C-alpha atoms as a PDB file:
ATOM      1  CA  UNK A   1     -21.839-121.171  36.033  1.00  0.00           C
ATOM      2  CA  UNK A   2     -21.775-117.832  37.006  1.00  0.00           C
ATOM      3  CA  UNK A   3     -23.789-116.420  40.165  1.00  0.00           C
ATOM      4  CA  UNK A   4     -25.552-112.961  39.223  1.00  0.00           C
ATOM      5  CA  UNK A   5     -25.634-109.991  41.702  1.00  0.00           C
ATOM      6  CA  UNK A   6     -28.631-108.086  40.931  1.00  0.00           C
ATOM      7  CA  UNK A   7     -28.434-104.671  43.294  1.00  0.00           C
ATOM      8  CA  UNK A   8     -31.581-102.455  44.294  1.00  0.00           C
ATOM      9  CA  UNK A   9     -33.093-100.452  41.808  1.00  0.00           C
ATOM     10  CA  UNK A  10     -32.359 -97.677  44.392  1.00  0.00           C
ATOM     11  CA  UNK A  11     -29.408 -98.260  44.310  1.00  0.00           C
ATOM     12  CA  UNK A  12     -28.649 -98.729  40.226  1.00  0.00           C
ATOM     13  CA  UNK A  13     -30.672 -95.141  40.116  1.00  0.00           C
ATOM     14  CA  UNK A  14     -28.106 -93.630  42.301  1.00  0.00           C
ATOM     15  CA  UNK A  15     -25.455 -94.894  40.959  1.00  0.00           C
ATOM     16  CA  UNK A  16     -27.004 -93.868  37.339  1.00  0.00           C
ATOM     17  CA  UNK A  17     -27.251 -90.344  38.006  1.00  0.00           C
ATOM     18  CA  UNK A  18     -23.802 -90.415  39.200  1.00  0.00           C
ATOM     19  CA  UNK A  19     -22.290 -91.961  36.359  1.00  0.00           C
ATOM     20  CA  UNK A  20     -24.422 -89.594  34.035  1.00  0.00           C
ATOM     21  CA  UNK A  21     -23.695 -86.324  36.200  1.00  0.00           C
ATOM     22  CA  UNK A  22     -19.802 -87.264  35.747  1.00  0.00           C
ATOM     23  CA  UNK A  23     -20.297 -87.706  31.891  1.00  0.00           C
ATOM     24  CA  UNK A  24     -21.775 -84.585  31.494  1.00  0.00           C
ATOM     25  CA  UNK A  25     -19.048 -82.349  33.689  1.00  0.00           C
ATOM     26  CA  UNK A  26     -18.261 -79.300  31.361  1.00  0.00           C
ATOM     27  CA  UNK A  27     -14.714 -78.378  30.663  1.00  0.00           C
ATOM     28  CA  UNK A  28     -13.932 -75.580  30.844  1.00  0.00           C
ATOM     29  CA  UNK A  29     -10.345 -74.184  28.958  1.00  0.00           C
ATOM     30  CA  UNK A  30      -8.525 -70.842  30.219  1.00  0.00           C
ATOM     31  CA  UNK A  31      -6.296 -69.399  28.159  1.00  0.00           C
ATOM     32  CA  UNK A  32      -3.485 -68.222  30.450  1.00  0.00           C
ATOM     33  CA  UNK A  33      -2.961 -68.741  34.364  1.00  0.00           C
ATOM     34  CA  UNK A  34      -4.879 -65.933  36.082  1.00  0.00           C
ATOM     35  CA  UNK A  35      -8.010 -66.329  34.310  1.00  0.00           C
ATOM     36  CA  UNK A  36      -7.439 -70.356  35.723  1.00  0.00           C
ATOM     37  CA  UNK A  37      -7.447 -68.983  39.256  1.00  0.00           C
ATOM     38  CA  UNK A  38     -10.719 -67.521  38.973  1.00  0.00           C
ATOM     39  CA  UNK A  39     -12.388 -70.230  37.171  1.00  0.00           C
ATOM     40  CA  UNK A  40     -11.280 -72.811  39.486  1.00  0.00           C
ATOM     41  CA  UNK A  41     -13.139 -71.038  42.137  1.00  0.00           C
ATOM     42  CA  UNK A  42     -16.264 -70.677  39.920  1.00  0.00           C
ATOM     43  CA  UNK A  43     -15.989 -74.606  39.271  1.00  0.00           C
ATOM     44  CA  UNK A  44     -15.384 -75.801  42.700  1.00  0.00           C
ATOM     45  CA  UNK A  45     -16.950 -79.395  43.437  1.00  0.00           C
ATOM     46  CA  UNK A  46     -16.946 -80.287  39.214  1.00  0.00           C
ATOM     47  CA  UNK A  47     -14.156 -80.434  36.350  1.00  0.00           C
ATOM     48  CA  UNK A  48     -10.758 -78.370  37.329  1.00  0.00           C
ATOM     49  CA  UNK A  49     -10.592 -75.996  34.264  1.00  0.00           C
ATOM     50  CA  UNK A  50      -7.682 -76.644  32.310  1.00  0.00           C
ATOM     51  CA  UNK A  51      -5.196 -74.202  31.269  1.00  0.00           C
ATOM     52  CA  UNK A  52      -3.938 -73.629  27.314  1.00  0.00           C
ATOM     53  CA  UNK A  53      -0.678 -71.657  27.975  1.00  0.00           C
ATOM     54  CA  UNK A  54       2.031 -72.775  30.088  1.00  0.00           C
ATOM     55  CA  UNK A  55       2.860 -70.669  32.870  1.00  0.00           C
ATOM     56  CA  UNK A  56       5.147 -68.121  31.461  1.00  0.00           C
ATOM     57  CA  UNK A  57       4.020 -68.718  27.633  1.00  0.00           C
ATOM     58  CA  UNK A  58       3.372 -65.359  25.229  1.00  0.00           C
ATOM     59  CA  UNK A  59       0.196 -64.985  24.984  1.00  0.00           C
ATOM     60  CA  UNK A  60       1.675 -62.475  21.913  1.00  0.00           C
ATOM     61  CA  UNK A  61       2.831 -64.773  19.090  1.00  0.00           C
ATOM     62  CA  UNK A  62       1.224 -68.448  20.701  1.00  0.00           C
ATOM     63  CA  UNK A  63       1.242 -70.907  17.494  1.00  0.00           C
ATOM     64  CA  UNK A  64      -1.176 -73.473  17.896  1.00  0.00           C
ATOM     65  CA  UNK A  65      -0.805 -77.015  17.723  1.00  0.00           C
ATOM     66  CA  UNK A  66      -3.405 -79.695  16.403  1.00  0.00           C
ATOM     67  CA  UNK A  67      -3.366 -80.935  20.300  1.00  0.00           C
ATOM     68  CA  UNK A  68      -4.233 -77.487  21.346  1.00  0.00           C
ATOM     69  CA  UNK A  69      -7.030 -77.663  18.844  1.00  0.00           C
ATOM     70  CA  UNK A  70      -9.015 -80.653  19.745  1.00  0.00           C
ATOM     71  CA  UNK A  71      -8.884 -79.348  23.206  1.00  0.00           C
ATOM     72  CA  UNK A  72     -10.204 -75.939  21.994  1.00  0.00           C
ATOM     73  CA  UNK A  73     -12.769 -78.074  20.238  1.00  0.00           C
ATOM     74  CA  UNK A  74     -13.151 -79.966  23.158  1.00  0.00           C
ATOM     75  CA  UNK A  75     -13.835 -77.640  25.277  1.00  0.00           C
ATOM     76  CA  UNK A  76     -17.551 -76.769  26.224  1.00  0.00           C
ATOM     77  CA  UNK A  77     -16.157 -73.161  27.287  1.00  0.00           C
ATOM     78  CA  UNK A  78     -12.759 -71.449  26.220  1.00  0.00           C
ATOM     79  CA  UNK A  79     -12.189 -68.334  28.714  1.00  0.00           C
ATOM     80  CA  UNK A  80      -9.622 -66.017  27.254  1.00  0.00           C
ATOM     81  CA  UNK A  81      -8.947 -61.891  27.421  1.00  0.00           C
ATOM     82  CA  UNK A  82      -9.641 -61.365  23.446  1.00  0.00           C
ATOM     83  CA  UNK A  83      -8.411 -61.178  20.575  1.00  0.00           C
ATOM     84  CA  UNK A  84      -6.426 -57.889  21.656  1.00  0.00           C
ATOM     85  CA  UNK A  85      -4.210 -60.245  23.939  1.00  0.00           C
ATOM     86  CA  UNK A  86      -4.565 -63.730  22.522  1.00  0.00           C
ATOM     87  CA  UNK A  87      -4.753 -63.092  18.641  1.00  0.00           C
ATOM     88  CA  UNK A  88      -4.092 -66.567  17.443  1.00  0.00           C
ATOM     89  CA  UNK A  89      -7.500 -67.833  18.608  1.00  0.00           C
ATOM     90  CA  UNK A  90      -9.249 -64.909  16.726  1.00  0.00           C
ATOM     91  CA  UNK A  91     -10.326 -67.420  13.911  1.00  0.00           C
ATOM     92  CA  UNK A  92     -10.686 -70.208  15.929  1.00  0.00           C
ATOM     93  CA  UNK A  93     -13.192 -69.065  18.232  1.00  0.00           C
ATOM     94  CA  UNK A  94     -15.177 -65.671  16.812  1.00  0.00           C
ATOM     95  CA  UNK A  95     -17.963 -67.350  15.203  1.00  0.00           C
ATOM     96  CA  UNK A  96     -17.998 -70.094  17.718  1.00  0.00           C
ATOM     97  CA  UNK A  97     -20.540 -70.160  20.880  1.00  0.00           C
ATOM     98  CA  UNK A  98     -18.154 -72.158  23.133  1.00  0.00           C
ATOM     99  CA  UNK A  99     -16.271 -68.658  24.091  1.00  0.00           C
ATOM    100  CA  UNK A 100     -16.052 -66.325  26.257  1.00  0.00           C
ATOM    101  CA  UNK A 101     -13.823 -63.019  25.160  1.00  0.00           C
ATOM    102  CA  UNK A 102     -13.514 -61.140  28.229  1.00  0.00           C
ATOM    103  CA  UNK A 103     -12.562 -57.707  27.419  1.00  0.00           C
ATOM    104  CA  UNK A 104     -15.501 -56.886  25.622  1.00  0.00           C
ATOM    105  CA  UNK A 105     -17.837 -57.719  28.457  1.00  0.00           C
ATOM    106  CA  UNK A 106     -15.733 -55.807  30.900  1.00  0.00           C
ATOM    107  CA  UNK A 107     -16.700 -52.726  29.062  1.00  0.00           C
ATOM    108  CA  UNK A 108     -13.338 -50.621  30.416  1.00  0.00           C
ATOM    109  CA  UNK A 109     -13.360 -47.118  29.723  1.00  0.00           C
ATOM    110  CA  UNK A 110     -10.669 -44.745  30.227  1.00  0.00           C
ATOM    111  CA  UNK A 111      -7.987 -46.981  30.515  1.00  0.00           C
ATOM    112  CA  UNK A 112      -5.899 -46.937  27.824  1.00  0.00           C
ATOM    113  CA  UNK A 113      -2.388 -48.796  27.299  1.00  0.00           C
ATOM    114  CA  UNK A 114       1.034 -47.207  26.419  1.00  0.00           C
ATOM    115  CA  UNK A 115       1.872 -49.877  23.936  1.00  0.00           C
ATOM    116  CA  UNK A 116       1.006 -53.420  23.284  1.00  0.00           C
ATOM    117  CA  UNK A 117       2.809 -55.372  26.046  1.00  0.00           C
ATOM    118  CA  UNK A 118       0.577 -58.461  25.566  1.00  0.00           C
ATOM    119  CA  UNK A 119       3.283 -60.973  25.650  1.00  0.00           C
ATOM    120  CA  UNK A 120       5.892 -61.395  28.658  1.00  0.00           C
ATOM    121  CA  UNK A 121       7.583 -63.918  28.034  1.00  0.00           C
ATOM    122  CA  UNK A 122       9.655 -63.310  24.740  1.00  0.00           C
ATOM    123  CA  UNK A 123      10.971 -60.623  22.950  1.00  0.00           C
ATOM    124  CA  UNK A 124      14.343 -62.663  21.908  1.00  0.00           C
ATOM    125  CA  UNK A 125      14.196 -61.662  18.552  1.00  0.00           C
ATOM    126  CA  UNK A 126      14.430 -58.362  18.932  1.00  0.00           C
ATOM    127  CA  UNK A 127      17.069 -55.759  19.789  1.00  0.00           C
ATOM    128  CA  UNK A 128      17.475 -52.230  21.826  1.00  0.00           C
ATOM    129  CA  UNK A 129      18.476 -49.651  18.895  1.00  0.00           C
ATOM    130  CA  UNK A 130      19.075 -46.761  21.460  1.00  0.00           C
ATOM    131  CA  UNK A 131      16.276 -44.709  18.992  1.00  0.00           C
ATOM    132  CA  UNK A 132      15.960 -42.285  21.759  1.00  0.00           C
ATOM    133  CA  UNK A 133      18.527 -39.729  23.256  1.00  0.00           C
ATOM    134  CA  UNK A 134      16.689 -39.249  26.288  1.00  0.00           C
ATOM    135  CA  UNK A 135      13.200 -40.306  28.881  1.00  0.00           C
ATOM    136  CA  UNK A 136      10.290 -39.094  27.198  1.00  0.00           C
ATOM    137  CA  UNK A 137       6.565 -39.187  28.361  1.00  0.00           C
ATOM    138  CA  UNK A 138       3.487 -40.211  26.256  1.00  0.00           C
ATOM    139  CA  UNK A 139       1.334 -37.260  25.265  1.00  0.00           C
ATOM    140  CA  UNK A 140      -1.354 -39.545  27.155  1.00  0.00           C
ATOM    141  CA  UNK A 141       0.125 -40.482  30.657  1.00  0.00           C
ATOM    142  CA  UNK A 142       2.453 -36.978  31.227  1.00  0.00           C
ATOM    143  CA  UNK A 143       3.039 -38.410  34.631  1.00  0.00           C
ATOM    144  CA  UNK A 144       5.320 -41.869  33.267  1.00  0.00           C
ATOM    145  CA  UNK A 145       8.041 -41.702  32.206  1.00  0.00           C
ATOM    146  CA  UNK A 146       9.200 -44.521  29.212  1.00  0.00           C
ATOM    147  CA  UNK A 147      13.111 -45.173  28.822  1.00  0.00           C
ATOM    148  CA  UNK A 148      13.828 -47.292  25.914  1.00  0.00           C
ATOM    149  CA  UNK A 149      13.763 -47.576  22.544  1.00  0.00           C
ATOM    150  CA  UNK A 150      11.003 -47.367  19.829  1.00  0.00           C
ATOM    151  CA  UNK A 151      12.492 -50.856  18.032  1.00  0.00           C
ATOM    152  CA  UNK A 152      12.603 -52.642  20.954  1.00  0.00           C
ATOM    153  CA  UNK A 153       9.585 -55.147  20.124  1.00  0.00           C
ATOM    154  CA  UNK A 154       6.864 -53.083  21.070  1.00  0.00           C
ATOM    155  CA  UNK A 155       4.285 -51.092  19.257  1.00  0.00           C
ATOM    156  CA  UNK A 156       4.099 -48.258  20.696  1.00  0.00           C
ATOM    157  CA  UNK A 157       0.197 -47.273  19.669  1.00  0.00           C
ATOM    158  CA  UNK A 158      -1.607 -44.759  21.617  1.00  0.00           C
ATOM    159  CA  UNK A 159      -4.903 -45.271  22.665  1.00  0.00           C
ATOM    160  CA  UNK A 160      -4.571 -49.498  22.675  1.00  0.00           C
ATOM    161  CA  UNK A 161      -6.731 -51.485  25.458  1.00  0.00           C
ATOM    162  CA  UNK A 162      -4.413 -52.276  28.568  1.00  0.00           C
ATOM    163  CA  UNK A 163      -5.165 -55.596  28.591  1.00  0.00           C
ATOM    164  CA  UNK A 164      -4.339 -56.942  31.907  1.00  0.00           C
ATOM    165  CA  UNK A 165      -8.022 -57.209  33.239  1.00  0.00           C
ATOM    166  CA  UNK A 166      -7.814 -59.365  35.861  1.00  0.00           C
ATOM    167  CA  UNK A 167      -4.954 -57.121  38.177  1.00  0.00           C
ATOM    168  CA  UNK A 168      -8.129 -55.309  39.124  1.00  0.00           C
ATOM    169  CA  UNK A 169      -9.975 -57.058  41.460  1.00  0.00           C
ATOM    170  CA  UNK A 170     -13.217 -55.445  40.554  1.00  0.00           C
ATOM    171  CA  UNK A 171     -12.465 -56.623  37.295  1.00  0.00           C
ATOM    172  CA  UNK A 172     -11.815 -60.142  38.556  1.00  0.00           C
ATOM    173  CA  UNK A 173     -15.067 -60.002  40.159  1.00  0.00           C
ATOM    174  CA  UNK A 174     -16.978 -59.393  37.210  1.00  0.00           C
ATOM    175  CA  UNK A 175     -14.960 -62.045  35.854  1.00  0.00           C
ATOM    176  CA  UNK A 176     -16.360 -64.633  37.984  1.00  0.00           C
ATOM    177  CA  UNK A 177     -19.681 -63.035  37.751  1.00  0.00           C
ATOM    178  CA  UNK A 178     -19.750 -63.755  33.820  1.00  0.00           C
ATOM    179  CA  UNK A 179     -17.862 -67.010  34.137  1.00  0.00           C
ATOM    180  CA  UNK A 180     -21.017 -68.108  36.963  1.00  0.00           C
ATOM    181  CA  UNK A 181     -24.320 -67.068  34.519  1.00  0.00           C
ATOM    182  CA  UNK A 182     -22.745 -68.598  31.410  1.00  0.00           C
ATOM    183  CA  UNK A 183     -22.101 -72.257  33.476  1.00  0.00           C
ATOM    184  CA  UNK A 184     -25.320 -71.733  34.483  1.00  0.00           C
ATOM    185  CA  UNK A 185     -26.818 -71.648  31.485  1.00  0.00           C
ATOM    186  CA  UNK A 186     -24.459 -74.138  30.043  1.00  0.00           C
ATOM    187  CA  UNK A 187     -24.995 -76.336  33.024  1.00  0.00           C
ATOM    188  CA  UNK A 188     -28.238 -75.996  34.528  1.00  0.00           C
ATOM    189  CA  UNK A 189     -28.663 -78.672  36.757  1.00  0.00           C
ATOM    190  CA  UNK A 190     -25.580 -76.995  38.699  1.00  0.00           C
ATOM    191  CA  UNK A 191     -26.624 -73.785  38.449  1.00  0.00           C
ATOM    192  CA  UNK A 192     -27.263 -73.116  42.605  1.00  0.00           C
ATOM    193  CA  UNK A 193     -23.414 -74.705  42.947  1.00  0.00           C
ATOM    194  CA  UNK A 194     -21.990 -71.992  40.715  1.00  0.00           C
ATOM    195  CA  UNK A 195     -24.139 -69.500  42.095  1.00  0.00           C
ATOM    196  CA  UNK A 196     -22.752 -70.825  45.683  1.00  0.00           C
ATOM    197  CA  UNK A 197     -18.896 -70.528  44.756  1.00  0.00           C
ATOM    198  CA  UNK A 198     -19.713 -66.747  43.183  1.00  0.00           C
ATOM    199  CA  UNK A 199     -21.177 -66.065  46.464  1.00  0.00           C
ATOM    200  CA  UNK A 200     -18.165 -67.913  48.650  1.00  0.00           C
ATOM    201  CA  UNK A 201     -15.729 -66.169  46.236  1.00  0.00           C
ATOM    202  CA  UNK A 202     -16.822 -62.531  46.466  1.00  0.00           C
ATOM    203  CA  UNK A 203     -16.553 -62.767  49.879  1.00  0.00           C
ATOM    204  CA  UNK A 204     -12.795 -63.857  49.924  1.00  0.00           C
ATOM    205  CA  UNK A 205     -12.269 -61.202  47.140  1.00  0.00           C
ATOM    206  CA  UNK A 206     -13.720 -58.404  49.899  1.00  0.00           C
ATOM    207  CA  UNK A 207     -11.286 -59.613  52.274  1.00  0.00           C
ATOM    208  CA  UNK A 208      -8.515 -59.919  49.901  1.00  0.00           C
ATOM    209  CA  UNK A 209      -8.946 -57.007  48.602  1.00  0.00           C
ATOM    210  CA  UNK A 210      -8.911 -55.414  52.351  1.00  0.00           C
ATOM    211  CA  UNK A 211      -5.889 -56.832  53.322  1.00  0.00           C
ATOM    212  CA  UNK A 212      -3.818 -56.069  50.236  1.00  0.00           C
ATOM    213  CA  UNK A 213      -4.790 -52.469  50.617  1.00  0.00           C
ATOM    214  CA  UNK A 214      -3.744 -52.698  54.500  1.00  0.00           C
ATOM    215  CA  UNK A 215      -0.373 -54.004  52.866  1.00  0.00           C
ATOM    216  CA  UNK A 216       0.289 -51.336  50.201  1.00  0.00           C
ATOM    217  CA  UNK A 217      -0.728 -48.821  52.236  1.00  0.00           C
ATOM    218  CA  UNK A 218       2.812 -47.924  54.289  1.00  0.00           C
ATOM    219  CA  UNK A 219       4.120 -47.568  50.445  1.00  0.00           C
ATOM    220  CA  UNK A 220       2.000 -44.804  49.294  1.00  0.00           C
ATOM    221  CA  UNK A 221       4.914 -42.073  47.767  1.00  0.00           C
ATOM    222  CA  UNK A 222       7.201 -44.305  47.262  1.00  0.00           C
ATOM    223  CA  UNK A 223       8.572 -43.949  43.621  1.00  0.00           C
ATOM    224  CA  UNK A 224       9.347 -47.092  41.299  1.00  0.00           C
ATOM    225  CA  UNK A 225       9.376 -48.661  37.745  1.00  0.00           C
ATOM    226  CA  UNK A 226       8.330 -51.326  36.218  1.00  0.00           C
ATOM    227  CA  UNK A 227      10.046 -53.059  33.220  1.00  0.00           C
ATOM    228  CA  UNK A 228       6.766 -52.975  31.516  1.00  0.00           C
ATOM    229  CA  UNK A 229       3.172 -51.009  31.830  1.00  0.00           C
ATOM    230  CA  UNK A 230       1.442 -54.236  32.776  1.00  0.00           C
ATOM    231  CA  UNK A 231       0.399 -52.618  36.304  1.00  0.00           C
ATOM    232  CA  UNK A 232      -2.129 -49.961  35.680  1.00  0.00           C
ATOM    233  CA  UNK A 233      -5.318 -51.597  36.535  1.00  0.00           C
ATOM    234  CA  UNK A 234      -3.275 -52.625  39.935  1.00  0.00           C
ATOM    235  CA  UNK A 235      -2.017 -49.273  40.356  1.00  0.00           C
ATOM    236  CA  UNK A 236      -4.948 -47.519  40.156  1.00  0.00           C
ATOM    237  CA  UNK A 237      -7.038 -50.209  42.130  1.00  0.00           C
ATOM    238  CA  UNK A 238      -4.586 -49.495  45.147  1.00  0.00           C
ATOM    239  CA  UNK A 239      -3.584 -45.894  44.207  1.00  0.00           C
ATOM    240  CA  UNK A 240       0.315 -46.505  43.759  1.00  0.00           C
ATOM    241  CA  UNK A 241       1.274 -45.185  40.494  1.00  0.00           C
ATOM    242  CA  UNK A 242       4.925 -46.352  39.455  1.00  0.00           C
ATOM    243  CA  UNK A 243       6.565 -43.627  38.284  1.00  0.00           C
ATOM    244  CA  UNK A 244       7.325 -45.300  34.911  1.00  0.00           C
ATOM    245  CA  UNK A 245       8.774 -48.343  32.511  1.00  0.00           C
ATOM    246  CA  UNK A 246      11.323 -49.240  30.672  1.00  0.00           C
ATOM    247  CA  UNK A 247      10.951 -50.479  27.305  1.00  0.00           C
ATOM    248  CA  UNK A 248      14.517 -52.421  27.244  1.00  0.00           C
ATOM    249  CA  UNK A 249      14.431 -55.861  25.458  1.00  0.00           C
ATOM    250  CA  UNK A 250      14.605 -58.930  28.344  1.00  0.00           C
ATOM    251  CA  UNK A 251      16.410 -60.730  26.449  1.00  0.00           C
ATOM    252  CA  UNK A 252      19.010 -58.443  25.330  1.00  0.00           C
ATOM    253  CA  UNK A 253      21.333 -56.203  27.617  1.00  0.00           C
ATOM    254  CA  UNK A 254      20.617 -52.771  26.933  1.00  0.00           C
ATOM    255  CA  UNK A 255      22.710 -50.377  25.395  1.00  0.00           C
ATOM    256  CA  UNK A 256      25.060 -48.096  27.155  1.00  0.00           C
ATOM    257  CA  UNK A 257      23.384 -45.501  26.296  1.00  0.00           C
ATOM    258  CA  UNK A 258      19.854 -46.592  27.802  1.00  0.00           C
ATOM    259  CA  UNK A 259      21.507 -47.641  30.425  1.00  0.00           C
ATOM    260  CA  UNK A 260      22.814 -43.381  31.259  1.00  0.00           C
ATOM    261  CA  UNK A 261      18.949 -42.527  30.485  1.00  0.00           C
ATOM    262  CA  UNK A 262      17.678 -45.568  32.602  1.00  0.00           C
ATOM    263  CA  UNK A 263      20.638 -44.278  35.315  1.00  0.00           C
ATOM    264  CA  UNK A 264      19.641 -40.440  34.825  1.00  0.00           C
ATOM    265  CA  UNK A 265      15.881 -41.291  35.478  1.00  0.00           C
ATOM    266  CA  UNK A 266      16.418 -43.690  38.828  1.00  0.00           C
ATOM    267  CA  UNK A 267      18.485 -41.015  40.407  1.00  0.00           C
ATOM    268  CA  UNK A 268      16.505 -37.824  39.416  1.00  0.00           C
ATOM    269  CA  UNK A 269      13.200 -39.407  40.719  1.00  0.00           C
ATOM    270  CA  UNK A 270      14.967 -41.253  43.815  1.00  0.00           C
ATOM    271  CA  UNK A 271      12.941 -44.314  42.664  1.00  0.00           C
ATOM    272  CA  UNK A 272      13.605 -47.134  45.685  1.00  0.00           C
ATOM    273  CA  UNK A 273      12.922 -49.713  43.418  1.00  0.00           C
ATOM    274  CA  UNK A 274      12.798 -50.939  39.647  1.00  0.00           C
ATOM    275  CA  UNK A 275      10.387 -54.098  39.023  1.00  0.00           C
ATOM    276  CA  UNK A 276      11.207 -56.752  37.145  1.00  0.00           C
ATOM    277  CA  UNK A 277       9.281 -59.867  36.066  1.00  0.00           C
ATOM    278  CA  UNK A 278      10.876 -63.760  36.145  1.00  0.00           C
ATOM    279  CA  UNK A 279      11.388 -64.466  33.573  1.00  0.00           C
ATOM    280  CA  UNK A 280      14.041 -61.423  32.791  1.00  0.00           C
ATOM    281  CA  UNK A 281      17.562 -62.215  32.871  1.00  0.00           C
ATOM    282  CA  UNK A 282      18.842 -61.052  36.177  1.00  0.00           C
ATOM    283  CA  UNK A 283      22.095 -59.798  34.457  1.00  0.00           C
ATOM    284  CA  UNK A 284      19.745 -57.227  32.501  1.00  0.00           C
ATOM    285  CA  UNK A 285      17.781 -56.329  35.828  1.00  0.00           C
ATOM    286  CA  UNK A 286      21.649 -55.781  37.287  1.00  0.00           C
ATOM    287  CA  UNK A 287      22.629 -53.504  35.001  1.00  0.00           C
ATOM    288  CA  UNK A 288      20.176 -51.589  34.869  1.00  0.00           C
ATOM    289  CA  UNK A 289      19.830 -50.591  38.159  1.00  0.00           C
ATOM    290  CA  UNK A 290      23.738 -50.907  38.857  1.00  0.00           C
ATOM    291  CA  UNK A 291      25.314 -47.502  41.007  1.00  0.00           C
ATOM    292  CA  UNK A 292      21.200 -46.070  41.378  1.00  0.00           C
ATOM    293  CA  UNK A 293      20.106 -46.007  45.076  1.00  0.00           C
ATOM    294  CA  UNK A 294      16.904 -48.308  43.641  1.00  0.00           C
ATOM    295  CA  UNK A 295      16.513 -52.307  44.584  1.00  0.00           C
ATOM    296  CA  UNK A 296      15.210 -55.322  43.004  1.00  0.00           C
ATOM    297  CA  UNK A 297      12.109 -56.544  43.044  1.00  0.00           C
ATOM    298  CA  UNK A 298      10.050 -59.174  40.905  1.00  0.00           C
ATOM    299  CA  UNK A 299       6.337 -59.338  40.585  1.00  0.00           C
ATOM    300  CA  UNK A 300       5.350 -62.138  38.188  1.00  0.00           C
ATOM    301  CA  UNK A 301       1.619 -60.786  36.615  1.00  0.00           C
ATOM    302  CA  UNK A 302       0.562 -63.558  35.460  1.00  0.00           C
ATOM    303  CA  UNK A 303       0.727 -66.176  38.974  1.00  0.00           C
ATOM    304  CA  UNK A 304       3.096 -68.844  37.347  1.00  0.00           C
ATOM    305  CA  UNK A 305       4.009 -70.749  40.681  1.00  0.00           C
ATOM    306  CA  UNK A 306       0.531 -70.426  42.270  1.00  0.00           C
ATOM    307  CA  UNK A 307      -1.659 -73.003  43.129  1.00  0.00           C
ATOM    308  CA  UNK A 308      -5.230 -73.989  41.017  1.00  0.00           C
ATOM    309  CA  UNK A 309      -7.308 -73.689  43.555  1.00  0.00           C
ATOM    310  CA  UNK A 310     -10.587 -71.271  44.423  1.00  0.00           C
ATOM    311  CA  UNK A 311      -8.261 -69.231  46.729  1.00  0.00           C
ATOM    312  CA  UNK A 312      -5.755 -69.257  43.956  1.00  0.00           C
ATOM    313  CA  UNK A 313      -6.770 -65.762  43.000  1.00  0.00           C
ATOM    314  CA  UNK A 314      -6.415 -64.849  46.315  1.00  0.00           C
ATOM    315  CA  UNK A 315      -2.853 -66.146  46.956  1.00  0.00           C
ATOM    316  CA  UNK A 316      -1.930 -64.154  43.468  1.00  0.00           C
ATOM    317  CA  UNK A 317      -2.884 -60.754  45.287  1.00  0.00           C
ATOM    318  CA  UNK A 318      -1.231 -61.164  48.266  1.00  0.00           C
ATOM    319  CA  UNK A 319       1.706 -62.012  46.155  1.00  0.00           C
ATOM    320  CA  UNK A 320       2.055 -59.120  44.290  1.00  0.00           C
ATOM    321  CA  UNK A 321       1.282 -57.400  47.008  1.00  0.00           C
ATOM    322  CA  UNK A 322       3.896 -59.139  49.395  1.00  0.00           C
ATOM    323  CA  UNK A 323       6.498 -58.407  46.740  1.00  0.00           C
ATOM    324  CA  UNK A 324       5.737 -54.231  46.181  1.00  0.00           C
ATOM    325  CA  UNK A 325       5.738 -54.043  49.678  1.00  0.00           C
ATOM    326  CA  UNK A 326       8.952 -55.750  50.463  1.00  0.00           C
ATOM    327  CA  UNK A 327      10.909 -53.832  48.255  1.00  0.00           C
ATOM    328  CA  UNK A 328       9.788 -50.909  48.632  1.00  0.00           C
ATOM    329  CA  UNK A 329       9.334 -50.968  52.392  1.00  0.00           C
ATOM    330  CA  UNK A 330      13.141 -52.450  52.305  1.00  0.00           C
ATOM    331  CA  UNK A 331      12.346 -55.747  54.355  1.00  0.00           C
ATOM    332  CA  UNK A 332      14.439 -58.459  54.941  1.00  0.00           C
END
């Protein structure tokens, strides 16, 4: 006959509470990596936030898989920018309470996007048709030069909201605050932990912001171009406006006339750097800067290789700053 081992009642109660706490751990699902980095700071000590789109995956025309739908339905909270970026989620999350659409909550004014640059990776189906014979200025931003084609895979609608909200540290703090508030309502037993994590995130953000500002200060006034107009919030925050952006297709080499216009813009502006992104084909980037004084820099607005953790967003900020300063200051 098997012996029965009886545990003391206090120990049984403790184990029961631990098991029930694990069972009730909230599952937070974020759509893109930068949101996961912010969320990981607020959920520290609990369930790590999940990521819906693998780093480098475009949210612009993503097609949901059945496994994605299950993850979304099983999540206690889905953190997303909003239908302006992750349009594929609109019908699924529009009327569901388990989501937090950030762009609408931030109530951003006065920062319009030149175009629909929601996708950072998937431009393979569009060609460069050399539609413009010369660089042109957008009416609502006369200081920036656009070089490229109207038919390069982007919808150049004036006045569209810039969706790259995570690139402004002020927005990151607000995102963290909104998340901590929502999680505290969903999980009041752990509200103190969420608020404690928020306090720590704010302190770390203040420190990182100051360090990044100091890192970028020597680059003030050094001209550069970006391939896509994705860094407006970052540039505004650190007062580093680009000279312009190139609307060439990163999956297809630009035509001869487009390259000629880019070369002209680079030489006339004396731009020192052209910033591409990791998914751009090297041959395209090299063709753009060939026979100019401009150097090539790589910026990753999605932080694909940043380790997820409570200080991940700060590492993301430093990575962007180091990449910009490294190219602009010609650091070896």
